[in-house]
Amino acid sequence: MAISGPKAEPTVEANDRLVGFALAFAASIGLGLAVAVARIAFEGGTDGQSVATVRAWFVVAVVGAWCLASGRSLRVGRTTWLHCLGLGSLLAYMFFGNIGAVKYIPVGVAALLFFVYPPLVAVFTAILDRRWPGLLRIVAFLVAFGGLAVMLGVGHGHLNPIGLALGLGAGVACGFQVTWISRVMKGRDSLVIMFHMAVVAAVVLSVATPLLTGYTLPVTTLGWIGAAGVVLLQGCSIPLYFASIPRIGAETSAIINNLQPVTSIVAAYLLFGEAMTQSQVAGGGMVIGGILLLQLAGRKG
């Protein structure tokens, strides 16, 4: 009778991927919760642009403190900083466009437009790698994106072109940004890169917001609590999301991020008693199904 040897210990790479999945899921849940909490902030008198600017500076403070506390140097080379300049500018537009679109078009339409970025990441990656992404991976993205359409209940009425341009532009910017980070910033410290990106985004928003919309502060106590909640949730979740990209790849991080609207709907029900419709439940199931399909495609690939 053969004696089995000791079980193999998980490899460093496997552990790193598990950490990446955990970071991506935590980030998606935090960002989804922030959408629901934002309702409290906006009902309290503030607006999305003002919150986005404060959030950007909060990310600078949190990530900068994290880097210094862990002994990381914030210095980067000239080429890396130029990449951060471009990535940070995309980040600023992504924040502003995604929120600003809601002023002109329904929230569901704006959210769906933003989530064109996961299939865009797959397309960009396939083009850069000069490869066919594979049938199962394509189906996974189509199922997840279709789930968002069902869950958000997008209609076909007349939509303001300014809102469409802002929302779609934010999604395209995110697709470029995620692909850019995964291709060019691989091997670099994601926290240090995030710090410089956040600095650029914060400066851009601090200049653009007063010129375009002005700052609007909350006028109630609940408004301040809601605004602080949005800043904390999004400010802490965004670095987690970008930290997941080097570990599990841009495509997988992007599809996991589709859990955001699922989390938002569940949180709205728990916080405000907003009942989920059958279409929302079905759409949420499609999003989760798309994520599972992607993982299956990754194992076969």
C-alpha atoms as a PDB file:
ATOM      1  CA  MET A   1       0.000   0.000   0.000  1.00  0.00           C
ATOM      2  CA  ALA A   2       1.533   3.269  -1.118  1.00  0.00           C
ATOM      3  CA  ILE A   3       1.905   6.009   1.400  1.00  0.00           C
ATOM      4  CA  SER A   4       0.790   9.342   0.059  1.00  0.00           C
ATOM      5  CA  GLY A   5       3.197  12.208   0.464  1.00  0.00           C
ATOM      6  CA  PRO A   6       2.415  15.525   2.127  1.00  0.00           C
ATOM      7  CA  LYS A   7      -0.027  17.766   0.342  1.00  0.00           C
ATOM      8  CA  ALA A   8       1.591  20.383  -1.818  1.00  0.00           C
ATOM      9  CA  GLU A   9       1.587  23.850  -0.366  1.00  0.00           C
ATOM     10  CA  PRO A  10      -0.208  26.508  -2.392  1.00  0.00           C
ATOM     11  CA  THR A  11       2.197  28.359  -4.671  1.00  0.00           C
ATOM     12  CA  VAL A  12       3.000  32.016  -4.179  1.00  0.00           C
ATOM     13  CA  GLU A  13       1.309  32.757  -7.511  1.00  0.00           C
ATOM     14  CA  ALA A  14      -1.880  30.949  -6.433  1.00  0.00           C
ATOM     15  CA  ASN A  15      -1.962  32.846  -3.144  1.00  0.00           C
ATOM     16  CA  ASP A  16      -1.388  36.105  -5.002  1.00  0.00           C
ATOM     17  CA  ARG A  17      -4.367  35.387  -7.277  1.00  0.00           C
ATOM     18  CA  LEU A  18      -6.555  34.638  -4.259  1.00  0.00           C
ATOM     19  CA  VAL A  19      -5.556  37.994  -2.794  1.00  0.00           C
ATOM     20  CA  GLY A  20      -6.376  39.599  -6.134  1.00  0.00           C
ATOM     21  CA  PHE A  21      -9.852  38.071  -6.189  1.00  0.00           C
ATOM     22  CA  ALA A  22     -10.462  39.198  -2.598  1.00  0.00           C
ATOM     23  CA  LEU A  23      -9.347  42.753  -3.413  1.00  0.00           C
ATOM     24  CA  ALA A  24     -11.564  42.915  -6.514  1.00  0.00           C
ATOM     25  CA  PHE A  25     -14.643  41.594  -4.677  1.00  0.00           C
ATOM     26  CA  ALA A  26     -14.094  43.921  -1.697  1.00  0.00           C
ATOM     27  CA  ALA A  27     -13.643  46.893  -4.023  1.00  0.00           C
ATOM     28  CA  SER A  28     -16.797  46.071  -5.990  1.00  0.00           C
ATOM     29  CA  ILE A  29     -18.888  45.697  -2.846  1.00  0.00           C
ATOM     30  CA  GLY A  30     -17.539  48.951  -1.391  1.00  0.00           C
ATOM     31  CA  LEU A  31     -18.179  50.881  -4.605  1.00  0.00           C
ATOM     32  CA  GLY A  32     -21.673  49.408  -4.847  1.00  0.00           C
ATOM     33  CA  LEU A  33     -22.489  50.409  -1.270  1.00  0.00           C
ATOM     34  CA  ALA A  34     -21.253  53.928  -1.979  1.00  0.00           C
ATOM     35  CA  VAL A  35     -23.892  54.364  -4.689  1.00  0.00           C
ATOM     36  CA  ALA A  36     -26.674  53.624  -2.217  1.00  0.00           C
ATOM     37  CA  VAL A  37     -25.144  55.843   0.482  1.00  0.00           C
ATOM     38  CA  ALA A  38     -24.811  58.634  -2.088  1.00  0.00           C
ATOM     39  CA  ARG A  39     -28.589  59.006  -2.018  1.00  0.00           C
ATOM     40  CA  ILE A  40     -28.294  60.209   1.590  1.00  0.00           C
ATOM     41  CA  ALA A  41     -25.588  62.678   0.596  1.00  0.00           C
ATOM     42  CA  PHE A  42     -27.469  64.101  -2.374  1.00  0.00           C
ATOM     43  CA  GLU A  43     -30.736  64.387  -0.443  1.00  0.00           C
ATOM     44  CA  GLY A  44     -28.695  66.362   2.096  1.00  0.00           C
ATOM     45  CA  GLY A  45     -27.829  69.028  -0.454  1.00  0.00           C
ATOM     46  CA  THR A  46     -24.458  68.158  -1.995  1.00  0.00           C
ATOM     47  CA  ASP A  47     -23.699  66.993  -5.550  1.00  0.00           C
ATOM     48  CA  GLY A  48     -21.578  64.378  -7.255  1.00  0.00           C
ATOM     49  CA  GLN A  49     -18.862  66.673  -8.549  1.00  0.00           C
ATOM     50  CA  SER A  50     -18.131  68.110  -5.112  1.00  0.00           C
ATOM     51  CA  VAL A  51     -18.015  64.648  -3.554  1.00  0.00           C
ATOM     52  CA  ALA A  52     -15.748  63.391  -6.361  1.00  0.00           C
ATOM     53  CA  THR A  53     -13.215  66.153  -5.725  1.00  0.00           C
ATOM     54  CA  VAL A  54     -13.072  65.490  -1.978  1.00  0.00           C
ATOM     55  CA  ARG A  55     -12.870  61.754  -2.660  1.00  0.00           C
ATOM     56  CA  ALA A  56      -9.870  62.224  -4.945  1.00  0.00           C
ATOM     57  CA  TRP A  57      -7.945  64.109  -2.256  1.00  0.00           C
ATOM     58  CA  PHE A  58      -8.975  61.465   0.293  1.00  0.00           C
ATOM     59  CA  VAL A  59      -7.467  58.766  -1.946  1.00  0.00           C
ATOM     60  CA  VAL A  60      -4.262  60.820  -2.122  1.00  0.00           C
ATOM     61  CA  ALA A  61      -4.110  60.991   1.687  1.00  0.00           C
ATOM     62  CA  VAL A  62      -4.989  57.320   2.302  1.00  0.00           C
ATOM     63  CA  VAL A  63      -2.704  55.821  -0.347  1.00  0.00           C
ATOM     64  CA  GLY A  64       0.132  58.225   0.482  1.00  0.00           C
ATOM     65  CA  ALA A  65      -0.059  57.344   4.179  1.00  0.00           C
ATOM     66  CA  TRP A  66      -0.237  53.626   3.320  1.00  0.00           C
ATOM     67  CA  CYS A  67       2.891  53.883   1.158  1.00  0.00           C
ATOM     68  CA  LEU A  68       4.871  55.801   3.766  1.00  0.00           C
ATOM     69  CA  ALA A  69       3.773  53.517   6.606  1.00  0.00           C
ATOM     70  CA  SER A  70       4.881  50.447   4.652  1.00  0.00           C
ATOM     71  CA  GLY A  71       8.252  51.964   3.802  1.00  0.00           C
ATOM     72  CA  ARG A  72       7.529  52.556   0.110  1.00  0.00           C
ATOM     73  CA  SER A  73       9.214  55.412  -1.691  1.00  0.00           C
ATOM     74  CA  LEU A  74       6.831  57.735  -3.516  1.00  0.00           C
ATOM     75  CA  ARG A  75       9.499  58.658  -6.049  1.00  0.00           C
ATOM     76  CA  VAL A  76       9.004  57.375  -9.587  1.00  0.00           C
ATOM     77  CA  GLY A  77      10.939  57.788 -12.801  1.00  0.00           C
ATOM     78  CA  ARG A  78      10.097  60.370 -15.433  1.00  0.00           C
ATOM     79  CA  THR A  79       8.564  57.831 -17.823  1.00  0.00           C
ATOM     80  CA  THR A  80       6.424  56.278 -15.088  1.00  0.00           C
ATOM     81  CA  TRP A  81       5.211  59.693 -13.950  1.00  0.00           C
ATOM     82  CA  LEU A  82       4.224  60.608 -17.502  1.00  0.00           C
ATOM     83  CA  HIS A  83       2.145  57.429 -17.607  1.00  0.00           C
ATOM     84  CA  CYS A  84       0.588  58.454 -14.280  1.00  0.00           C
ATOM     85  CA  LEU A  85      -0.210  61.874 -15.740  1.00  0.00           C
ATOM     86  CA  GLY A  86      -2.221  60.280 -18.517  1.00  0.00           C
ATOM     87  CA  LEU A  87      -3.836  57.691 -16.228  1.00  0.00           C
ATOM     88  CA  GLY A  88      -4.712  60.317 -13.623  1.00  0.00           C
ATOM     89  CA  SER A  89      -6.353  62.517 -16.246  1.00  0.00           C
ATOM     90  CA  LEU A  90      -8.473  59.557 -17.368  1.00  0.00           C
ATOM     91  CA  LEU A  91      -9.341  58.878 -13.713  1.00  0.00           C
ATOM     92  CA  ALA A  92     -10.515  62.479 -13.226  1.00  0.00           C
ATOM     93  CA  TYR A  93     -12.706  62.350 -16.321  1.00  0.00           C
ATOM     94  CA  MET A  94     -14.052  58.960 -15.287  1.00  0.00           C
ATOM     95  CA  PHE A  95     -15.131  60.348 -11.911  1.00  0.00           C
ATOM     96  CA  PHE A  96     -16.623  63.517 -13.376  1.00  0.00           C
ATOM     97  CA  GLY A  97     -18.264  62.022 -16.458  1.00  0.00           C
ATOM     98  CA  ASN A  98     -19.896  59.090 -14.705  1.00  0.00           C
ATOM     99  CA  ILE A  99     -21.452  61.349 -12.072  1.00  0.00           C
ATOM    100  CA  GLY A 100     -22.124  64.293 -14.375  1.00  0.00           C
ATOM    101  CA  ALA A 101     -24.108  62.133 -16.809  1.00  0.00           C
ATOM    102  CA  VAL A 102     -26.798  61.615 -14.161  1.00  0.00           C
ATOM    103  CA  LYS A 103     -27.704  65.309 -14.476  1.00  0.00           C
ATOM    104  CA  TYR A 104     -28.912  64.703 -18.032  1.00  0.00           C
ATOM    105  CA  ILE A 105     -29.956  61.036 -18.273  1.00  0.00           C
ATOM    106  CA  PRO A 106     -31.447  58.405 -15.902  1.00  0.00           C
ATOM    107  CA  VAL A 107     -29.107  56.790 -13.390  1.00  0.00           C
ATOM    108  CA  GLY A 108     -29.689  53.337 -14.906  1.00  0.00           C
ATOM    109  CA  VAL A 109     -28.680  54.511 -18.372  1.00  0.00           C
ATOM    110  CA  ALA A 110     -25.590  56.276 -16.993  1.00  0.00           C
ATOM    111  CA  ALA A 111     -24.554  53.137 -15.087  1.00  0.00           C
ATOM    112  CA  LEU A 112     -25.018  50.920 -18.145  1.00  0.00           C
ATOM    113  CA  LEU A 113     -23.030  53.301 -20.333  1.00  0.00           C
ATOM    114  CA  PHE A 114     -20.168  53.252 -17.820  1.00  0.00           C
ATOM    115  CA  PHE A 115     -20.143  49.459 -17.811  1.00  0.00           C
ATOM    116  CA  VAL A 116     -19.235  49.285 -21.471  1.00  0.00           C
ATOM    117  CA  TYR A 117     -15.693  49.171 -20.096  1.00  0.00           C
ATOM    118  CA  PRO A 118     -15.483  45.404 -19.269  1.00  0.00           C
ATOM    119  CA  PRO A 119     -16.145  44.292 -22.874  1.00  0.00           C
ATOM    120  CA  LEU A 120     -13.903  47.123 -24.067  1.00  0.00           C
ATOM    121  CA  VAL A 121     -11.069  45.752 -21.903  1.00  0.00           C
ATOM    122  CA  ALA A 122     -11.558  42.351 -23.527  1.00  0.00           C
ATOM    123  CA  VAL A 123     -11.477  43.927 -27.003  1.00  0.00           C
ATOM    124  CA  PHE A 124      -8.414  46.076 -26.249  1.00  0.00           C
ATOM    125  CA  THR A 125      -6.574  43.113 -24.723  1.00  0.00           C
ATOM    126  CA  ALA A 126      -7.381  40.876 -27.686  1.00  0.00           C
ATOM    127  CA  ILE A 127      -6.179  43.544 -30.134  1.00  0.00           C
ATOM    128  CA  LEU A 128      -2.924  44.147 -28.261  1.00  0.00           C
ATOM    129  CA  ASP A 129      -2.264  40.412 -27.932  1.00  0.00           C
ATOM    130  CA  ARG A 130      -3.372  39.795 -31.528  1.00  0.00           C
ATOM    131  CA  ARG A 131      -5.497  36.895 -30.431  1.00  0.00           C
ATOM    132  CA  TRP A 132      -9.135  35.795 -30.518  1.00  0.00           C
ATOM    133  CA  PRO A 133     -10.511  36.131 -26.949  1.00  0.00           C
ATOM    134  CA  GLY A 134     -12.303  32.777 -27.175  1.00  0.00           C
ATOM    135  CA  LEU A 135     -16.002  31.963 -27.461  1.00  0.00           C
ATOM    136  CA  LEU A 136     -16.566  31.239 -23.755  1.00  0.00           C
ATOM    137  CA  ARG A 137     -14.932  34.514 -22.686  1.00  0.00           C
ATOM    138  CA  ILE A 138     -17.016  36.469 -25.200  1.00  0.00           C
ATOM    139  CA  VAL A 139     -20.184  34.786 -23.956  1.00  0.00           C
ATOM    140  CA  ALA A 140     -19.208  35.624 -20.359  1.00  0.00           C
ATOM    141  CA  PHE A 141     -18.935  39.329 -21.121  1.00  0.00           C
ATOM    142  CA  LEU A 142     -22.141  39.373 -23.175  1.00  0.00           C
ATOM    143  CA  VAL A 143     -24.065  37.604 -20.399  1.00  0.00           C
ATOM    144  CA  ALA A 144     -22.762  39.996 -17.723  1.00  0.00           C
ATOM    145  CA  PHE A 145     -23.417  43.094 -19.850  1.00  0.00           C
ATOM    146  CA  GLY A 146     -26.867  41.798 -20.809  1.00  0.00           C
ATOM    147  CA  GLY A 147     -27.548  41.215 -17.115  1.00  0.00           C
ATOM    148  CA  LEU A 148     -26.786  44.858 -16.395  1.00  0.00           C
ATOM    149  CA  ALA A 149     -29.235  45.913 -19.110  1.00  0.00           C
ATOM    150  CA  VAL A 150     -31.980  43.699 -17.650  1.00  0.00           C
ATOM    151  CA  MET A 151     -31.244  44.664 -14.047  1.00  0.00           C
ATOM    152  CA  LEU A 152     -31.110  48.419 -14.659  1.00  0.00           C
ATOM    153  CA  GLY A 153     -34.229  48.382 -16.814  1.00  0.00           C
ATOM    154  CA  VAL A 154     -32.921  50.657 -19.528  1.00  0.00           C
ATOM    155  CA  GLY A 155     -35.648  52.110 -21.723  1.00  0.00           C
ATOM    156  CA  HIS A 156     -35.526  53.378 -25.283  1.00  0.00           C
ATOM    157  CA  GLY A 157     -36.815  56.923 -24.892  1.00  0.00           C
ATOM    158  CA  HIS A 158     -35.110  60.105 -26.066  1.00  0.00           C
ATOM    159  CA  LEU A 159     -31.834  60.658 -24.234  1.00  0.00           C
ATOM    160  CA  ASN A 160     -29.883  63.887 -23.884  1.00  0.00           C
ATOM    161  CA  PRO A 161     -26.744  63.704 -26.089  1.00  0.00           C
ATOM    162  CA  ILE A 162     -24.657  65.543 -23.459  1.00  0.00           C
ATOM    163  CA  GLY A 163     -25.484  62.895 -20.878  1.00  0.00           C
ATOM    164  CA  LEU A 164     -24.789  60.100 -23.348  1.00  0.00           C
ATOM    165  CA  ALA A 165     -21.412  61.629 -24.223  1.00  0.00           C
ATOM    166  CA  LEU A 166     -20.454  62.032 -20.550  1.00  0.00           C
ATOM    167  CA  GLY A 167     -21.553  58.523 -19.529  1.00  0.00           C
ATOM    168  CA  LEU A 168     -20.127  56.724 -22.545  1.00  0.00           C
ATOM    169  CA  GLY A 169     -16.928  58.775 -22.342  1.00  0.00           C
ATOM    170  CA  ALA A 170     -16.457  57.725 -18.712  1.00  0.00           C
ATOM    171  CA  GLY A 171     -16.836  54.049 -19.659  1.00  0.00           C
ATOM    172  CA  VAL A 172     -14.411  54.351 -22.561  1.00  0.00           C
ATOM    173  CA  ALA A 173     -11.934  56.204 -20.317  1.00  0.00           C
ATOM    174  CA  CYS A 174     -12.136  53.405 -17.750  1.00  0.00           C
ATOM    175  CA  GLY A 175     -11.576  50.760 -20.445  1.00  0.00           C
ATOM    176  CA  PHE A 176      -8.467  52.560 -21.684  1.00  0.00           C
ATOM    177  CA  GLN A 177      -7.230  53.100 -18.134  1.00  0.00           C
ATOM    178  CA  VAL A 178      -7.610  49.499 -16.959  1.00  0.00           C
ATOM    179  CA  THR A 179      -5.916  48.171 -20.113  1.00  0.00           C
ATOM    180  CA  TRP A 180      -3.149  50.786 -19.865  1.00  0.00           C
ATOM    181  CA  ILE A 181      -2.401  49.862 -16.254  1.00  0.00           C
ATOM    182  CA  SER A 182      -2.322  46.138 -16.959  1.00  0.00           C
ATOM    183  CA  ARG A 183       0.016  46.530 -19.941  1.00  0.00           C
ATOM    184  CA  VAL A 184       2.398  49.325 -19.019  1.00  0.00           C
ATOM    185  CA  MET A 185       2.428  49.330 -15.209  1.00  0.00           C
ATOM    186  CA  LYS A 186       2.971  45.595 -14.746  1.00  0.00           C
ATOM    187  CA  GLY A 187       5.831  45.010 -12.302  1.00  0.00           C
ATOM    188  CA  ARG A 188       5.505  48.452 -10.713  1.00  0.00           C
ATOM    189  CA  ASP A 189       4.133  49.050  -7.212  1.00  0.00           C
ATOM    190  CA  SER A 190       0.374  49.530  -7.711  1.00  0.00           C
ATOM    191  CA  LEU A 191      -0.013  51.645  -4.551  1.00  0.00           C
ATOM    192  CA  VAL A 192       2.687  54.108  -5.590  1.00  0.00           C
ATOM    193  CA  ILE A 193       1.183  54.323  -9.078  1.00  0.00           C
ATOM    194  CA  MET A 194      -2.275  54.858  -7.569  1.00  0.00           C
ATOM    195  CA  PHE A 195      -0.928  57.689  -5.414  1.00  0.00           C
ATOM    196  CA  HIS A 196       0.407  59.624  -8.395  1.00  0.00           C
ATOM    197  CA  MET A 197      -2.730  58.935 -10.426  1.00  0.00           C
ATOM    198  CA  ALA A 198      -4.878  60.226  -7.551  1.00  0.00           C
ATOM    199  CA  VAL A 199      -2.766  63.383  -7.218  1.00  0.00           C
ATOM    200  CA  VAL A 200      -3.271  64.167 -10.910  1.00  0.00           C
ATOM    201  CA  ALA A 201      -7.008  63.412 -10.704  1.00  0.00           C
ATOM    202  CA  ALA A 202      -7.420  65.546  -7.567  1.00  0.00           C
ATOM    203  CA  VAL A 203      -5.660  68.530  -9.148  1.00  0.00           C
ATOM    204  CA  VAL A 204      -7.679  68.228 -12.364  1.00  0.00           C
ATOM    205  CA  LEU A 205     -10.977  68.002 -10.463  1.00  0.00           C
ATOM    206  CA  SER A 206     -10.021  70.874  -8.135  1.00  0.00           C
ATOM    207  CA  VAL A 207      -9.547  73.089 -11.191  1.00  0.00           C
ATOM    208  CA  ALA A 208     -12.457  71.785 -13.282  1.00  0.00           C
ATOM    209  CA  THR A 209     -15.204  71.606 -10.636  1.00  0.00           C
ATOM    210  CA  PRO A 210     -15.195  75.325  -9.662  1.00  0.00           C
ATOM    211  CA  LEU A 211     -15.104  76.336 -13.323  1.00  0.00           C
ATOM    212  CA  LEU A 212     -17.850  73.981 -14.519  1.00  0.00           C
ATOM    213  CA  THR A 213     -20.240  73.496 -11.598  1.00  0.00           C
ATOM    214  CA  GLY A 214     -18.882  75.035  -8.395  1.00  0.00           C
ATOM    215  CA  TYR A 215     -18.781  73.359  -4.986  1.00  0.00           C
ATOM    216  CA  THR A 216     -22.007  72.430  -3.202  1.00  0.00           C
ATOM    217  CA  LEU A 217     -21.799  71.481   0.482  1.00  0.00           C
ATOM    218  CA  PRO A 218     -24.389  69.397   2.370  1.00  0.00           C
ATOM    219  CA  VAL A 219     -26.963  71.416   4.298  1.00  0.00           C
ATOM    220  CA  THR A 220     -28.091  68.715   6.765  1.00  0.00           C
ATOM    221  CA  THR A 221     -26.357  66.452   9.256  1.00  0.00           C
ATOM    222  CA  LEU A 222     -27.457  63.358   7.340  1.00  0.00           C
ATOM    223  CA  GLY A 223     -26.092  64.945   4.192  1.00  0.00           C
ATOM    224  CA  TRP A 224     -22.657  65.304   5.790  1.00  0.00           C
ATOM    225  CA  ILE A 225     -22.831  61.699   7.063  1.00  0.00           C
ATOM    226  CA  GLY A 226     -23.796  60.455   3.603  1.00  0.00           C
ATOM    227  CA  ALA A 227     -21.050  62.460   1.906  1.00  0.00           C
ATOM    228  CA  ALA A 228     -18.473  61.140   4.374  1.00  0.00           C
ATOM    229  CA  GLY A 229     -19.715  57.603   3.758  1.00  0.00           C
ATOM    230  CA  VAL A 230     -19.341  57.963  -0.012  1.00  0.00           C
ATOM    231  CA  VAL A 231     -15.833  59.389   0.341  1.00  0.00           C
ATOM    232  CA  LEU A 232     -14.761  56.629   2.736  1.00  0.00           C
ATOM    233  CA  LEU A 233     -16.283  53.758   0.750  1.00  0.00           C
ATOM    234  CA  GLN A 234     -15.126  54.884  -2.671  1.00  0.00           C
ATOM    235  CA  GLY A 235     -11.840  56.316  -1.456  1.00  0.00           C
ATOM    236  CA  CYS A 236     -10.874  53.008   0.152  1.00  0.00           C
ATOM    237  CA  SER A 237     -12.330  50.753  -2.562  1.00  0.00           C
ATOM    238  CA  ILE A 238     -10.710  52.356  -5.600  1.00  0.00           C
ATOM    239  CA  PRO A 239      -7.112  51.569  -4.483  1.00  0.00           C
ATOM    240  CA  LEU A 240      -8.188  47.985  -3.730  1.00  0.00           C
ATOM    241  CA  TYR A 241      -9.555  47.593  -7.247  1.00  0.00           C
ATOM    242  CA  PHE A 242      -6.398  48.844  -8.931  1.00  0.00           C
ATOM    243  CA  ALA A 243      -4.288  46.668  -6.629  1.00  0.00           C
ATOM    244  CA  SER A 244      -6.200  43.623  -7.909  1.00  0.00           C
ATOM    245  CA  ILE A 245      -5.341  44.222 -11.586  1.00  0.00           C
ATOM    246  CA  PRO A 246      -1.672  43.099 -11.474  1.00  0.00           C
ATOM    247  CA  ARG A 247      -2.704  39.958  -9.568  1.00  0.00           C
ATOM    248  CA  ILE A 248      -5.606  38.614 -11.639  1.00  0.00           C
ATOM    249  CA  GLY A 249      -5.517  40.640 -14.849  1.00  0.00           C
ATOM    250  CA  ALA A 250      -7.549  43.492 -16.271  1.00  0.00           C
ATOM    251  CA  GLU A 251     -10.310  41.352 -17.790  1.00  0.00           C
ATOM    252  CA  THR A 252     -11.061  39.370 -14.619  1.00  0.00           C
ATOM    253  CA  SER A 253     -10.967  42.497 -12.438  1.00  0.00           C
ATOM    254  CA  ALA A 254     -13.328  44.226 -14.841  1.00  0.00           C
ATOM    255  CA  ILE A 255     -15.947  41.462 -14.884  1.00  0.00           C
ATOM    256  CA  ILE A 256     -15.885  41.079 -11.089  1.00  0.00           C
ATOM    257  CA  ASN A 257     -16.502  44.809 -10.901  1.00  0.00           C
ATOM    258  CA  ASN A 258     -19.942  44.144 -12.420  1.00  0.00           C
ATOM    259  CA  LEU A 259     -21.006  43.206  -8.873  1.00  0.00           C
ATOM    260  CA  GLN A 260     -21.242  46.943  -8.157  1.00  0.00           C
ATOM    261  CA  PRO A 261     -24.863  47.414  -9.306  1.00  0.00           C
ATOM    262  CA  VAL A 262     -25.925  44.137  -7.671  1.00  0.00           C
ATOM    263  CA  THR A 263     -24.564  45.409  -4.357  1.00  0.00           C
ATOM    264  CA  SER A 264     -26.233  48.789  -4.866  1.00  0.00           C
ATOM    265  CA  ILE A 265     -29.673  47.229  -5.360  1.00  0.00           C
ATOM    266  CA  VAL A 266     -29.338  44.983  -2.305  1.00  0.00           C
ATOM    267  CA  ALA A 267     -28.080  47.904  -0.181  1.00  0.00           C
ATOM    268  CA  ALA A 268     -30.952  50.124  -1.356  1.00  0.00           C
ATOM    269  CA  TYR A 269     -33.404  47.440  -0.270  1.00  0.00           C
ATOM    270  CA  LEU A 270     -31.772  47.037   3.157  1.00  0.00           C
ATOM    271  CA  LEU A 271     -31.308  50.768   3.802  1.00  0.00           C
ATOM    272  CA  PHE A 272     -34.406  52.259   2.199  1.00  0.00           C
ATOM    273  CA  GLY A 273     -36.782  49.340   1.682  1.00  0.00           C
ATOM    274  CA  GLU A 274     -36.567  49.613  -2.113  1.00  0.00           C
ATOM    275  CA  ALA A 275     -37.881  46.232  -3.248  1.00  0.00           C
ATOM    276  CA  MET A 276     -36.024  44.433  -6.008  1.00  0.00           C
ATOM    277  CA  THR A 277     -38.092  43.668  -9.086  1.00  0.00           C
ATOM    278  CA  GLN A 278     -38.051  40.351 -10.898  1.00  0.00           C
ATOM    279  CA  SER A 279     -35.952  41.880 -13.673  1.00  0.00           C
ATOM    280  CA  GLN A 280     -33.386  43.116 -11.147  1.00  0.00           C
ATOM    281  CA  VAL A 281     -33.108  39.653  -9.592  1.00  0.00           C
ATOM    282  CA  ALA A 282     -32.805  38.045 -13.041  1.00  0.00           C
ATOM    283  CA  GLY A 283     -30.218  40.605 -14.170  1.00  0.00           C
ATOM    284  CA  GLY A 284     -28.188  40.144 -11.013  1.00  0.00           C
ATOM    285  CA  GLY A 285     -28.169  36.398 -11.646  1.00  0.00           C
ATOM    286  CA  MET A 286     -26.902  36.992 -15.173  1.00  0.00           C
ATOM    287  CA  VAL A 287     -24.070  39.193 -13.866  1.00  0.00           C
ATOM    288  CA  ILE A 288     -22.991  36.513 -11.400  1.00  0.00           C
ATOM    289  CA  GLY A 289     -23.321  33.894 -14.142  1.00  0.00           C
ATOM    290  CA  GLY A 290     -21.045  35.969 -16.362  1.00  0.00           C
ATOM    291  CA  ILE A 291     -18.430  36.083 -13.606  1.00  0.00           C
ATOM    292  CA  LEU A 292     -18.579  32.291 -13.177  1.00  0.00           C
ATOM    293  CA  LEU A 293     -18.280  31.801 -16.932  1.00  0.00           C
ATOM    294  CA  LEU A 294     -15.217  34.035 -17.011  1.00  0.00           C
ATOM    295  CA  GLN A 295     -13.542  31.972 -14.308  1.00  0.00           C
ATOM    296  CA  LEU A 296     -14.292  28.810 -16.286  1.00  0.00           C
ATOM    297  CA  ALA A 297     -12.841  30.410 -19.408  1.00  0.00           C
ATOM    298  CA  GLY A 298      -9.721  31.392 -17.454  1.00  0.00           C
ATOM    299  CA  ARG A 299      -9.183  27.818 -16.253  1.00  0.00           C
ATOM    300  CA  LYS A 300      -9.583  26.399 -19.747  1.00  0.00           C
ATOM    301  CA  GLY A 301      -7.328  29.104 -21.211  1.00  0.00           C
END
